[in-house]
Amino acid sequence: MIIIAIDGPAAAGKGTLAKRLAAALKLPYLDTGLLYRATAKRVLESGGDPTNELDAIAAAWELSEADTARGDLRDAATSKAASQVAGIPAVREALLAYQRAYGNTRGAVLDGRDIGTVIFPQADVKLYITASVEARAKRRHAEFLAKGESVALAQVIADVAARDAADSSRATAPLLPAEDAVHIDTTELNADEAFAAALRVVQQKTGIKK
């Protein structure tokens, strides 16, 4: 029943890292950001406004596993809308129980923006994964190009910076590291190096072996 909380800004590499840790440690994995992306996608596809509380709250309560399993939740429009719905307190409240129930069932690796501060402040291990805005924007830009989406790098940099500002300044559960989180900067690290650094922290704090 080990809980590993991984927080950090967009495109820092926390999702890839969390999946690898979960697989190595044989723990369930939950990308909590998908809950907000799926909520945002429901709002957008229904013709609603992601900044409208009623639209966003209704979508959050109607969320199903099928919504989070979609393969089109990482486009630019959904990313922007996800940040908007995530700033609505009642949306976060609607998704809070889901996240805690998931982790409390068998333990888990969860990644997001408030896992170590709000969802599981008692987590066994807390990691804060970050990287420079430019590095993160280049990663996200490459993802868009791989999907055939034509987006200017300058626009992606602006969008990443804007999302950082929105996530960090929102009144409810702002993006910030837990006081006892271990920071890992992935700007100059590849996926293997980031994984090795994170695994060392997990092993030191829990005694668990890969």
N, C-alpha and C. Protein backbone atom coordinates (compact mmCIF):
# COMPACT_ATOMS: atom_id res chain seq x y z
N MET A 1 0.83 -1.21 0.00
CA MET A 1 0.00 0.00 0.00
C MET A 1 0.87 1.26 0.00
N ILE A 2 1.81 1.31 -0.91
CA ILE A 2 2.69 2.47 -1.02
C ILE A 2 2.05 3.50 -1.96
N ILE A 3 2.05 4.74 -1.53
CA ILE A 3 1.56 5.84 -2.36
C ILE A 3 2.74 6.69 -2.78
N ILE A 4 2.92 6.86 -4.10
CA ILE A 4 3.97 7.72 -4.63
C ILE A 4 3.29 8.87 -5.36
N ALA A 5 3.50 10.08 -4.87
CA ALA A 5 2.89 11.28 -5.45
C ALA A 5 3.92 12.00 -6.32
N ILE A 6 3.56 12.21 -7.57
CA ILE A 6 4.46 12.89 -8.50
C ILE A 6 3.76 14.12 -9.05
N ASP A 7 4.29 15.29 -8.73
CA ASP A 7 3.72 16.55 -9.18
C ASP A 7 4.70 17.31 -10.06
N GLY A 8 4.18 18.29 -10.78
CA GLY A 8 5.04 19.13 -11.60
C GLY A 8 4.26 19.77 -12.73
N PRO A 9 4.87 20.72 -13.41
CA PRO A 9 4.20 21.42 -14.51
C PRO A 9 4.08 20.56 -15.76
N ALA A 10 3.35 21.07 -16.74
CA ALA A 10 3.11 20.34 -17.99
C ALA A 10 4.40 20.02 -18.72
N ALA A 11 4.47 18.81 -19.29
CA ALA A 11 5.58 18.38 -20.15
C ALA A 11 6.92 18.30 -19.45
N ALA A 12 6.90 18.15 -18.12
CA ALA A 12 8.16 18.00 -17.39
C ALA A 12 8.68 16.57 -17.44
N GLY A 13 7.82 15.65 -17.89
CA GLY A 13 8.21 14.24 -17.97
C GLY A 13 7.66 13.40 -16.84
N LYS A 14 6.75 13.96 -16.04
CA LYS A 14 6.25 13.23 -14.88
C LYS A 14 5.37 12.05 -15.27
N GLY A 15 4.65 12.16 -16.38
CA GLY A 15 3.79 11.06 -16.79
C GLY A 15 4.59 9.84 -17.21
N THR A 16 5.59 10.05 -18.05
CA THR A 16 6.46 8.95 -18.49
C THR A 16 7.16 8.33 -17.30
N LEU A 17 7.64 9.17 -16.41
CA LEU A 17 8.33 8.70 -15.22
C LEU A 17 7.40 7.89 -14.32
N ALA A 18 6.19 8.40 -14.10
CA ALA A 18 5.24 7.72 -13.23
C ALA A 18 4.87 6.34 -13.77
N LYS A 19 4.68 6.23 -15.08
CA LYS A 19 4.35 4.94 -15.68
C LYS A 19 5.48 3.94 -15.47
N ARG A 20 6.71 4.39 -15.66
CA ARG A 20 7.84 3.48 -15.50
C ARG A 20 8.01 3.04 -14.05
N LEU A 21 7.82 3.95 -13.13
CA LEU A 21 7.91 3.59 -11.72
C LEU A 21 6.83 2.58 -11.35
N ALA A 22 5.62 2.84 -11.81
CA ALA A 22 4.51 1.94 -11.50
C ALA A 22 4.78 0.54 -12.03
N ALA A 23 5.29 0.45 -13.26
CA ALA A 23 5.58 -0.85 -13.86
C ALA A 23 6.71 -1.56 -13.11
N ALA A 24 7.74 -0.80 -12.76
CA ALA A 24 8.89 -1.40 -12.07
C ALA A 24 8.53 -1.87 -10.67
N LEU A 25 7.65 -1.13 -10.01
CA LEU A 25 7.30 -1.45 -8.63
C LEU A 25 6.01 -2.25 -8.52
N LYS A 26 5.41 -2.56 -9.68
CA LYS A 26 4.17 -3.34 -9.73
C LYS A 26 3.05 -2.66 -8.93
N LEU A 27 2.90 -1.38 -9.18
CA LEU A 27 1.85 -0.59 -8.54
C LEU A 27 0.89 -0.05 -9.61
N PRO A 28 -0.38 0.15 -9.26
CA PRO A 28 -1.30 0.79 -10.21
C PRO A 28 -0.84 2.21 -10.52
N TYR A 29 -1.22 2.70 -11.68
CA TYR A 29 -0.83 4.06 -12.09
C TYR A 29 -2.06 4.87 -12.49
N LEU A 30 -2.10 6.11 -12.02
CA LEU A 30 -3.20 7.00 -12.39
C LEU A 30 -2.64 8.35 -12.83
N ASP A 31 -2.93 8.71 -14.07
CA ASP A 31 -2.61 10.03 -14.59
C ASP A 31 -3.80 10.92 -14.25
N THR A 32 -3.70 11.65 -13.16
CA THR A 32 -4.85 12.44 -12.71
C THR A 32 -5.15 13.59 -13.65
N GLY A 33 -4.16 14.01 -14.41
CA GLY A 33 -4.40 15.08 -15.38
C GLY A 33 -5.42 14.67 -16.42
N LEU A 34 -5.49 13.36 -16.71
CA LEU A 34 -6.47 12.89 -17.70
C LEU A 34 -7.89 13.13 -17.22
N LEU A 35 -8.10 13.14 -15.90
CA LEU A 35 -9.44 13.39 -15.37
C LEU A 35 -9.90 14.79 -15.77
N TYR A 36 -8.98 15.75 -15.68
CA TYR A 36 -9.32 17.13 -16.03
C TYR A 36 -9.40 17.31 -17.55
N ARG A 37 -8.53 16.62 -18.26
CA ARG A 37 -8.59 16.69 -19.72
C ARG A 37 -9.89 16.08 -20.24
N ALA A 38 -10.29 14.95 -19.65
CA ALA A 38 -11.53 14.30 -20.07
C ALA A 38 -12.74 15.16 -19.73
N THR A 39 -12.67 15.81 -18.56
CA THR A 39 -13.75 16.74 -18.19
C THR A 39 -13.82 17.88 -19.20
N ALA A 40 -12.67 18.43 -19.53
CA ALA A 40 -12.62 19.53 -20.50
C ALA A 40 -13.15 19.10 -21.86
N LYS A 41 -12.77 17.90 -22.29
CA LYS A 41 -13.22 17.41 -23.59
C LYS A 41 -14.74 17.26 -23.62
N ARG A 42 -15.32 16.78 -22.52
CA ARG A 42 -16.78 16.66 -22.46
C ARG A 42 -17.43 18.04 -22.59
N VAL A 43 -16.85 19.03 -21.92
CA VAL A 43 -17.40 20.39 -21.99
C VAL A 43 -17.33 20.92 -23.42
N LEU A 44 -16.17 20.78 -24.03
CA LEU A 44 -15.97 21.31 -25.39
C LEU A 44 -16.90 20.63 -26.40
N GLU A 45 -17.02 19.32 -26.29
CA GLU A 45 -17.84 18.60 -27.27
C GLU A 45 -19.33 18.81 -27.07
N SER A 46 -19.71 19.25 -25.89
CA SER A 46 -21.13 19.54 -25.66
C SER A 46 -21.47 20.98 -26.03
N GLY A 47 -20.45 21.74 -26.46
CA GLY A 47 -20.67 23.13 -26.82
C GLY A 47 -20.64 24.06 -25.62
N GLY A 48 -20.16 23.55 -24.48
CA GLY A 48 -20.11 24.37 -23.27
C GLY A 48 -18.86 25.23 -23.19
N ASP A 49 -18.75 25.94 -22.11
CA ASP A 49 -17.64 26.85 -21.86
C ASP A 49 -16.83 26.32 -20.69
N PRO A 50 -15.55 25.98 -20.89
CA PRO A 50 -14.74 25.41 -19.80
C PRO A 50 -14.51 26.37 -18.63
N THR A 51 -14.82 27.64 -18.81
CA THR A 51 -14.70 28.58 -17.69
C THR A 51 -16.02 28.75 -16.95
N ASN A 52 -17.08 28.12 -17.48
CA ASN A 52 -18.39 28.19 -16.85
C ASN A 52 -18.52 27.09 -15.81
N GLU A 53 -18.77 27.46 -14.56
CA GLU A 53 -18.80 26.48 -13.47
C GLU A 53 -19.84 25.38 -13.70
N LEU A 54 -21.04 25.75 -14.12
CA LEU A 54 -22.09 24.76 -14.28
C LEU A 54 -21.74 23.74 -15.36
N ASP A 55 -21.18 24.22 -16.48
CA ASP A 55 -20.79 23.32 -17.56
C ASP A 55 -19.70 22.36 -17.09
N ALA A 56 -18.71 22.90 -16.41
CA ALA A 56 -17.57 22.09 -16.00
C ALA A 56 -17.94 21.10 -14.90
N ILE A 57 -18.74 21.53 -13.94
CA ILE A 57 -19.14 20.65 -12.84
C ILE A 57 -19.97 19.48 -13.35
N ALA A 58 -20.90 19.78 -14.27
CA ALA A 58 -21.73 18.71 -14.83
C ALA A 58 -20.88 17.68 -15.53
N ALA A 59 -19.89 18.13 -16.28
CA ALA A 59 -19.01 17.21 -17.01
C ALA A 59 -18.19 16.37 -16.04
N ALA A 60 -17.73 16.96 -14.95
CA ALA A 60 -16.92 16.23 -13.97
C ALA A 60 -17.71 15.11 -13.31
N TRP A 61 -18.95 15.39 -12.96
CA TRP A 61 -19.76 14.37 -12.30
C TRP A 61 -20.18 13.26 -13.26
N GLU A 62 -20.20 13.55 -14.56
CA GLU A 62 -20.61 12.56 -15.55
C GLU A 62 -19.43 11.73 -16.08
N LEU A 63 -18.25 12.02 -15.61
CA LEU A 63 -17.04 11.39 -16.13
C LEU A 63 -17.06 9.88 -15.91
N SER A 64 -16.57 9.15 -16.90
CA SER A 64 -16.47 7.69 -16.81
C SER A 64 -15.07 7.26 -17.23
N GLU A 65 -14.76 5.99 -17.02
CA GLU A 65 -13.45 5.47 -17.42
C GLU A 65 -13.28 5.55 -18.92
N ALA A 66 -14.37 5.44 -19.65
CA ALA A 66 -14.30 5.52 -21.11
C ALA A 66 -13.81 6.90 -21.54
N ASP A 67 -14.20 7.93 -20.79
CA ASP A 67 -13.76 9.29 -21.12
C ASP A 67 -12.25 9.43 -20.99
N THR A 68 -11.68 8.83 -19.95
CA THR A 68 -10.24 8.98 -19.72
C THR A 68 -9.43 8.06 -20.64
N ALA A 69 -10.08 7.10 -21.28
CA ALA A 69 -9.37 6.16 -22.17
C ALA A 69 -9.26 6.69 -23.59
N ARG A 70 -9.84 7.84 -23.87
CA ARG A 70 -9.79 8.41 -25.22
C ARG A 70 -8.36 8.75 -25.61
N GLY A 71 -8.10 8.69 -26.90
CA GLY A 71 -6.75 8.98 -27.37
C GLY A 71 -6.56 10.39 -27.88
N ASP A 72 -7.57 11.24 -27.69
CA ASP A 72 -7.49 12.60 -28.23
C ASP A 72 -7.59 13.66 -27.14
N LEU A 73 -6.97 13.38 -26.00
CA LEU A 73 -7.10 14.30 -24.87
C LEU A 73 -5.91 15.25 -24.71
N ARG A 74 -4.94 15.17 -25.63
CA ARG A 74 -3.73 15.98 -25.46
C ARG A 74 -3.54 17.03 -26.55
N ASP A 75 -4.61 17.33 -27.29
CA ASP A 75 -4.49 18.38 -28.29
C ASP A 75 -4.45 19.74 -27.59
N ALA A 76 -4.05 20.77 -28.33
CA ALA A 76 -3.84 22.10 -27.74
C ALA A 76 -5.11 22.67 -27.11
N ALA A 77 -6.25 22.53 -27.78
CA ALA A 77 -7.49 23.10 -27.26
C ALA A 77 -7.91 22.44 -25.95
N THR A 78 -7.76 21.11 -25.87
CA THR A 78 -8.13 20.39 -24.65
C THR A 78 -7.17 20.73 -23.52
N SER A 79 -5.89 20.89 -23.84
CA SER A 79 -4.90 21.26 -22.82
C SER A 79 -5.27 22.59 -22.17
N LYS A 80 -5.63 23.55 -22.98
CA LYS A 80 -6.00 24.87 -22.46
C LYS A 80 -7.27 24.77 -21.62
N ALA A 81 -8.26 24.05 -22.13
CA ALA A 81 -9.53 23.92 -21.41
C ALA A 81 -9.36 23.14 -20.11
N ALA A 82 -8.43 22.18 -20.10
CA ALA A 82 -8.19 21.39 -18.88
C ALA A 82 -7.69 22.29 -17.76
N SER A 83 -6.81 23.22 -18.08
CA SER A 83 -6.32 24.15 -17.08
C SER A 83 -7.44 25.04 -16.55
N GLN A 84 -8.38 25.38 -17.42
CA GLN A 84 -9.50 26.24 -17.02
C GLN A 84 -10.46 25.50 -16.08
N VAL A 85 -10.82 24.27 -16.42
CA VAL A 85 -11.75 23.55 -15.55
C VAL A 85 -11.08 23.17 -14.23
N ALA A 86 -9.76 22.96 -14.27
CA ALA A 86 -9.04 22.59 -13.05
C ALA A 86 -9.01 23.72 -12.03
N GLY A 87 -9.25 24.94 -12.49
CA GLY A 87 -9.26 26.08 -11.58
C GLY A 87 -10.58 26.29 -10.87
N ILE A 88 -11.56 25.44 -11.17
CA ILE A 88 -12.88 25.56 -10.56
C ILE A 88 -12.96 24.64 -9.34
N PRO A 89 -13.11 25.18 -8.13
CA PRO A 89 -13.09 24.37 -6.90
C PRO A 89 -14.03 23.18 -6.91
N ALA A 90 -15.25 23.38 -7.39
CA ALA A 90 -16.23 22.29 -7.35
C ALA A 90 -15.85 21.15 -8.29
N VAL A 91 -15.13 21.45 -9.35
CA VAL A 91 -14.66 20.39 -10.26
C VAL A 91 -13.61 19.55 -9.53
N ARG A 92 -12.69 20.20 -8.86
CA ARG A 92 -11.65 19.49 -8.13
C ARG A 92 -12.27 18.64 -7.02
N GLU A 93 -13.31 19.16 -6.38
CA GLU A 93 -13.99 18.42 -5.32
C GLU A 93 -14.66 17.17 -5.89
N ALA A 94 -15.24 17.32 -7.08
CA ALA A 94 -15.92 16.19 -7.71
C ALA A 94 -14.95 15.06 -8.04
N LEU A 95 -13.72 15.41 -8.37
CA LEU A 95 -12.73 14.40 -8.77
C LEU A 95 -11.84 13.93 -7.62
N LEU A 96 -11.95 14.60 -6.47
CA LEU A 96 -11.09 14.26 -5.33
C LEU A 96 -11.33 12.84 -4.83
N ALA A 97 -12.58 12.48 -4.62
CA ALA A 97 -12.91 11.16 -4.09
C ALA A 97 -12.43 10.05 -5.02
N TYR A 98 -12.56 10.28 -6.31
CA TYR A 98 -12.12 9.28 -7.31
C TYR A 98 -10.64 8.98 -7.14
N GLN A 99 -9.85 10.04 -7.02
CA GLN A 99 -8.40 9.89 -6.92
C GLN A 99 -7.99 9.19 -5.62
N ARG A 100 -8.62 9.57 -4.52
CA ARG A 100 -8.26 8.96 -3.24
C ARG A 100 -8.68 7.49 -3.18
N ALA A 101 -9.84 7.19 -3.71
CA ALA A 101 -10.31 5.81 -3.72
C ALA A 101 -9.37 4.94 -4.55
N TYR A 102 -8.90 5.47 -5.65
CA TYR A 102 -7.99 4.73 -6.53
C TYR A 102 -6.70 4.38 -5.77
N GLY A 103 -6.11 5.36 -5.11
CA GLY A 103 -4.85 5.12 -4.41
C GLY A 103 -5.00 4.28 -3.17
N ASN A 104 -6.11 4.42 -2.47
CA ASN A 104 -6.29 3.71 -1.21
C ASN A 104 -6.67 2.24 -1.39
N THR A 105 -6.98 1.84 -2.60
CA THR A 105 -7.39 0.46 -2.84
C THR A 105 -6.20 -0.50 -2.76
N ARG A 106 -5.13 -0.18 -3.50
CA ARG A 106 -3.97 -1.09 -3.54
C ARG A 106 -2.64 -0.35 -3.47
N GLY A 107 -2.68 0.94 -3.17
CA GLY A 107 -1.48 1.75 -3.32
C GLY A 107 -1.41 2.18 -4.78
N ALA A 108 -0.56 3.14 -5.11
CA ALA A 108 -0.50 3.60 -6.49
C ALA A 108 0.61 4.61 -6.68
N VAL A 109 0.94 4.81 -7.95
CA VAL A 109 1.75 5.95 -8.38
C VAL A 109 0.78 6.89 -9.07
N LEU A 110 0.68 8.11 -8.57
CA LEU A 110 -0.24 9.09 -9.15
C LEU A 110 0.55 10.33 -9.56
N ASP A 111 0.27 10.85 -10.74
CA ASP A 111 0.92 12.09 -11.13
C ASP A 111 -0.11 13.16 -11.44
N GLY A 112 0.25 14.40 -11.14
CA GLY A 112 -0.66 15.51 -11.35
C GLY A 112 -0.02 16.81 -10.93
N ARG A 113 -0.82 17.67 -10.32
CA ARG A 113 -0.31 18.97 -9.89
C ARG A 113 -0.55 19.25 -8.40
N ASP A 114 -1.38 18.43 -7.77
CA ASP A 114 -1.64 18.64 -6.34
C ASP A 114 -1.72 17.32 -5.58
N ILE A 115 -1.02 16.31 -6.09
CA ILE A 115 -1.10 14.99 -5.46
C ILE A 115 -0.47 15.02 -4.06
N GLY A 116 0.74 15.56 -3.97
CA GLY A 116 1.44 15.58 -2.69
C GLY A 116 0.98 16.66 -1.74
N THR A 117 0.24 17.64 -2.23
CA THR A 117 -0.21 18.73 -1.37
C THR A 117 -1.67 18.60 -0.95
N VAL A 118 -2.51 18.01 -1.82
CA VAL A 118 -3.96 17.96 -1.53
C VAL A 118 -4.50 16.53 -1.53
N ILE A 119 -4.23 15.78 -2.59
CA ILE A 119 -4.84 14.45 -2.73
C ILE A 119 -4.27 13.46 -1.72
N PHE A 120 -2.94 13.37 -1.68
CA PHE A 120 -2.28 12.47 -0.74
C PHE A 120 -1.14 13.19 -0.02
N PRO A 121 -1.47 14.10 0.90
CA PRO A 121 -0.40 14.80 1.63
C PRO A 121 0.40 13.86 2.53
N GLN A 122 -0.14 12.65 2.78
CA GLN A 122 0.54 11.66 3.60
C GLN A 122 1.27 10.63 2.74
N ALA A 123 1.47 10.90 1.47
CA ALA A 123 2.12 9.94 0.56
C ALA A 123 3.48 9.50 1.09
N ASP A 124 3.83 8.25 0.81
CA ASP A 124 5.10 7.70 1.27
C ASP A 124 6.28 8.39 0.58
N VAL A 125 6.10 8.72 -0.68
CA VAL A 125 7.15 9.40 -1.45
C VAL A 125 6.51 10.52 -2.24
N LYS A 126 7.14 11.70 -2.21
CA LYS A 126 6.65 12.84 -2.98
C LYS A 126 7.78 13.35 -3.87
N LEU A 127 7.52 13.39 -5.16
CA LEU A 127 8.49 13.88 -6.12
C LEU A 127 7.91 15.10 -6.84
N TYR A 128 8.75 16.09 -7.07
CA TYR A 128 8.33 17.26 -7.85
C TYR A 128 9.24 17.31 -9.07
N ILE A 129 8.65 17.04 -10.24
CA ILE A 129 9.40 16.94 -11.49
C ILE A 129 9.23 18.24 -12.28
N THR A 130 10.34 18.85 -12.64
CA THR A 130 10.25 20.11 -13.36
C THR A 130 11.30 20.15 -14.47
N ALA A 131 11.25 21.20 -15.29
CA ALA A 131 12.21 21.45 -16.36
C ALA A 131 11.97 22.87 -16.83
N SER A 132 12.89 23.41 -17.61
CA SER A 132 12.72 24.78 -18.09
C SER A 132 11.51 24.87 -19.02
N VAL A 133 10.95 26.07 -19.14
CA VAL A 133 9.81 26.29 -20.03
C VAL A 133 10.17 25.89 -21.45
N GLU A 134 11.36 26.27 -21.90
CA GLU A 134 11.78 25.98 -23.28
C GLU A 134 11.88 24.48 -23.52
N ALA A 135 12.46 23.76 -22.59
CA ALA A 135 12.60 22.31 -22.74
C ALA A 135 11.24 21.64 -22.78
N ARG A 136 10.36 22.07 -21.92
CA ARG A 136 9.02 21.46 -21.86
C ARG A 136 8.22 21.79 -23.12
N ALA A 137 8.37 23.01 -23.61
CA ALA A 137 7.65 23.41 -24.82
C ALA A 137 8.13 22.61 -26.03
N LYS A 138 9.43 22.37 -26.12
CA LYS A 138 9.96 21.58 -27.24
C LYS A 138 9.42 20.16 -27.20
N ARG A 139 9.28 19.59 -26.01
CA ARG A 139 8.73 18.24 -25.89
C ARG A 139 7.27 18.21 -26.33
N ARG A 140 6.51 19.19 -25.88
CA ARG A 140 5.09 19.25 -26.25
C ARG A 140 4.94 19.53 -27.74
N HIS A 141 5.81 20.37 -28.29
CA HIS A 141 5.78 20.69 -29.72
C HIS A 141 6.03 19.42 -30.54
N ALA A 142 6.99 18.61 -30.10
CA ALA A 142 7.28 17.35 -30.79
C ALA A 142 6.08 16.42 -30.76
N GLU A 143 5.35 16.41 -29.65
CA GLU A 143 4.15 15.58 -29.54
C GLU A 143 3.09 16.01 -30.55
N PHE A 144 2.91 17.33 -30.68
CA PHE A 144 1.94 17.85 -31.64
C PHE A 144 2.32 17.47 -33.07
N LEU A 145 3.60 17.62 -33.40
CA LEU A 145 4.07 17.30 -34.75
C LEU A 145 3.88 15.82 -35.04
N ALA A 146 4.14 14.98 -34.05
CA ALA A 146 3.99 13.53 -34.24
C ALA A 146 2.54 13.16 -34.52
N LYS A 147 1.62 13.98 -34.04
CA LYS A 147 0.19 13.72 -34.28
C LYS A 147 -0.31 14.42 -35.53
N GLY A 148 0.60 15.12 -36.23
CA GLY A 148 0.20 15.80 -37.45
C GLY A 148 -0.40 17.17 -37.21
N GLU A 149 -0.28 17.69 -36.00
CA GLU A 149 -0.80 19.01 -35.69
C GLU A 149 0.27 20.07 -35.96
N SER A 150 -0.09 21.06 -36.76
CA SER A 150 0.85 22.13 -37.10
C SER A 150 0.69 23.29 -36.12
N VAL A 151 1.62 23.39 -35.20
CA VAL A 151 1.61 24.44 -34.19
C VAL A 151 3.00 25.05 -34.12
N ALA A 152 3.09 26.37 -34.14
CA ALA A 152 4.39 27.04 -34.07
C ALA A 152 5.01 26.85 -32.69
N LEU A 153 6.31 26.62 -32.66
CA LEU A 153 7.01 26.42 -31.39
C LEU A 153 6.83 27.63 -30.48
N ALA A 154 6.87 28.82 -31.05
CA ALA A 154 6.71 30.03 -30.24
C ALA A 154 5.35 30.05 -29.54
N GLN A 155 4.33 29.53 -30.24
CA GLN A 155 3.00 29.49 -29.64
C GLN A 155 2.96 28.47 -28.50
N VAL A 156 3.63 27.34 -28.68
CA VAL A 156 3.66 26.31 -27.64
C VAL A 156 4.38 26.85 -26.41
N ILE A 157 5.49 27.58 -26.62
CA ILE A 157 6.21 28.17 -25.49
C ILE A 157 5.30 29.12 -24.73
N ALA A 158 4.57 29.95 -25.46
CA ALA A 158 3.65 30.89 -24.83
C ALA A 158 2.55 30.17 -24.08
N ASP A 159 2.03 29.09 -24.66
CA ASP A 159 0.95 28.33 -24.03
C ASP A 159 1.44 27.65 -22.75
N VAL A 160 2.66 27.08 -22.79
CA VAL A 160 3.21 26.41 -21.61
C VAL A 160 3.42 27.41 -20.49
N ALA A 161 3.96 28.58 -20.83
CA ALA A 161 4.19 29.62 -19.82
C ALA A 161 2.87 30.11 -19.24
N ALA A 162 1.86 30.25 -20.10
CA ALA A 162 0.55 30.72 -19.64
C ALA A 162 -0.10 29.68 -18.72
N ARG A 163 0.06 28.42 -19.06
CA ARG A 163 -0.53 27.38 -18.21
C ARG A 163 0.18 27.33 -16.87
N ASP A 164 1.50 27.50 -16.88
CA ASP A 164 2.24 27.54 -15.61
C ASP A 164 1.69 28.63 -14.71
N ALA A 165 1.48 29.81 -15.31
CA ALA A 165 0.98 30.95 -14.54
C ALA A 165 -0.41 30.68 -14.00
N ALA A 166 -1.27 30.10 -14.84
CA ALA A 166 -2.64 29.81 -14.41
C ALA A 166 -2.67 28.75 -13.31
N ASP A 167 -1.88 27.69 -13.48
CA ASP A 167 -1.87 26.61 -12.50
C ASP A 167 -1.27 27.04 -11.17
N SER A 168 -0.28 27.93 -11.23
CA SER A 168 0.40 28.36 -10.01
C SER A 168 -0.35 29.44 -9.24
N SER A 169 -1.22 30.17 -9.94
CA SER A 169 -1.89 31.30 -9.30
C SER A 169 -3.34 31.03 -8.93
N ARG A 170 -3.88 29.86 -9.31
CA ARG A 170 -5.28 29.61 -9.00
C ARG A 170 -5.48 29.52 -7.49
N ALA A 171 -6.65 29.90 -7.05
CA ALA A 171 -6.94 29.95 -5.61
C ALA A 171 -7.04 28.56 -4.99
N THR A 172 -7.58 27.61 -5.76
CA THR A 172 -7.77 26.26 -5.25
C THR A 172 -6.67 25.33 -5.73
N ALA A 173 -5.98 24.67 -4.79
CA ALA A 173 -4.94 23.68 -5.09
C ALA A 173 -3.97 24.17 -6.16
N PRO A 174 -3.29 25.27 -5.92
CA PRO A 174 -2.33 25.76 -6.92
C PRO A 174 -1.16 24.80 -7.08
N LEU A 175 -0.52 24.88 -8.25
CA LEU A 175 0.66 24.06 -8.51
C LEU A 175 1.82 24.57 -7.68
N LEU A 176 2.27 23.76 -6.75
CA LEU A 176 3.45 24.06 -5.97
C LEU A 176 3.95 22.78 -5.33
N PRO A 177 5.24 22.68 -5.11
CA PRO A 177 5.77 21.44 -4.53
C PRO A 177 5.41 21.31 -3.06
N ALA A 178 5.17 20.08 -2.62
CA ALA A 178 4.98 19.84 -1.19
C ALA A 178 6.29 20.16 -0.49
N GLU A 179 6.20 20.58 0.75
CA GLU A 179 7.40 20.97 1.49
C GLU A 179 8.42 19.84 1.59
N ASP A 180 7.93 18.62 1.64
CA ASP A 180 8.83 17.48 1.78
C ASP A 180 9.05 16.72 0.47
N ALA A 181 8.73 17.36 -0.65
CA ALA A 181 8.94 16.71 -1.95
C ALA A 181 10.40 16.79 -2.36
N VAL A 182 10.86 15.75 -3.04
CA VAL A 182 12.20 15.74 -3.61
C VAL A 182 12.11 16.27 -5.03
N HIS A 183 12.89 17.28 -5.35
CA HIS A 183 12.85 17.91 -6.67
C HIS A 183 13.80 17.19 -7.65
N ILE A 184 13.29 16.96 -8.85
CA ILE A 184 14.13 16.41 -9.93
C ILE A 184 13.92 17.28 -11.16
N ASP A 185 14.98 17.92 -11.62
CA ASP A 185 14.93 18.77 -12.81
C ASP A 185 15.35 17.93 -14.02
N THR A 186 14.44 17.78 -14.97
CA THR A 186 14.70 16.91 -16.12
C THR A 186 15.16 17.67 -17.36
N THR A 187 15.48 18.96 -17.21
CA THR A 187 15.88 19.76 -18.37
C THR A 187 17.01 19.08 -19.15
N GLU A 188 18.00 18.58 -18.43
CA GLU A 188 19.17 17.97 -19.07
C GLU A 188 19.19 16.45 -18.93
N LEU A 189 18.08 15.86 -18.50
CA LEU A 189 18.03 14.41 -18.30
C LEU A 189 17.20 13.74 -19.38
N ASN A 190 17.64 12.57 -19.80
CA ASN A 190 16.78 11.79 -20.68
C ASN A 190 15.86 10.93 -19.81
N ALA A 191 14.98 10.18 -20.43
CA ALA A 191 13.98 9.42 -19.67
C ALA A 191 14.64 8.40 -18.74
N ASP A 192 15.69 7.73 -19.21
CA ASP A 192 16.36 6.73 -18.38
C ASP A 192 17.02 7.36 -17.15
N GLU A 193 17.65 8.51 -17.34
CA GLU A 193 18.32 9.20 -16.24
C GLU A 193 17.31 9.69 -15.21
N ALA A 194 16.18 10.22 -15.68
CA ALA A 194 15.15 10.69 -14.77
C ALA A 194 14.57 9.53 -13.97
N PHE A 195 14.36 8.40 -14.64
CA PHE A 195 13.82 7.21 -13.97
C PHE A 195 14.78 6.72 -12.90
N ALA A 196 16.05 6.67 -13.22
CA ALA A 196 17.05 6.19 -12.27
C ALA A 196 17.10 7.08 -11.04
N ALA A 197 17.03 8.40 -11.25
CA ALA A 197 17.06 9.34 -10.14
C ALA A 197 15.83 9.16 -9.24
N ALA A 198 14.66 9.01 -9.87
CA ALA A 198 13.42 8.85 -9.10
C ALA A 198 13.41 7.52 -8.34
N LEU A 199 13.87 6.46 -8.99
CA LEU A 199 13.87 5.14 -8.34
C LEU A 199 14.78 5.14 -7.12
N ARG A 200 15.90 5.85 -7.20
CA ARG A 200 16.79 5.94 -6.04
C ARG A 200 16.08 6.59 -4.86
N VAL A 201 15.32 7.64 -5.13
CA VAL A 201 14.58 8.32 -4.07
C VAL A 201 13.55 7.39 -3.44
N VAL A 202 12.80 6.68 -4.29
CA VAL A 202 11.78 5.75 -3.80
C VAL A 202 12.41 4.68 -2.92
N GLN A 203 13.51 4.12 -3.37
CA GLN A 203 14.16 3.06 -2.61
C GLN A 203 14.71 3.58 -1.27
N GLN A 204 15.26 4.79 -1.30
CA GLN A 204 15.78 5.37 -0.06
C GLN A 204 14.68 5.63 0.96
N LYS A 205 13.52 6.06 0.49
CA LYS A 205 12.43 6.45 1.41
C LYS A 205 11.57 5.28 1.84
N THR A 206 11.52 4.22 1.05
CA THR A 206 10.61 3.11 1.38
C THR A 206 11.32 1.80 1.65
N GLY A 207 12.53 1.66 1.16
CA GLY A 207 13.23 0.38 1.29
C GLY A 207 12.78 -0.64 0.27
N ILE A 208 11.82 -0.28 -0.57
CA ILE A 208 11.31 -1.20 -1.58
C ILE A 208 12.38 -1.41 -2.65
N LYS A 209 12.43 -2.59 -3.20
CA LYS A 209 13.39 -2.90 -4.24
C LYS A 209 12.67 -3.14 -5.56
N LYS A 210 13.35 -2.78 -6.63
CA LYS A 210 12.75 -2.95 -7.97
C LYS A 210 12.53 -4.43 -8.25
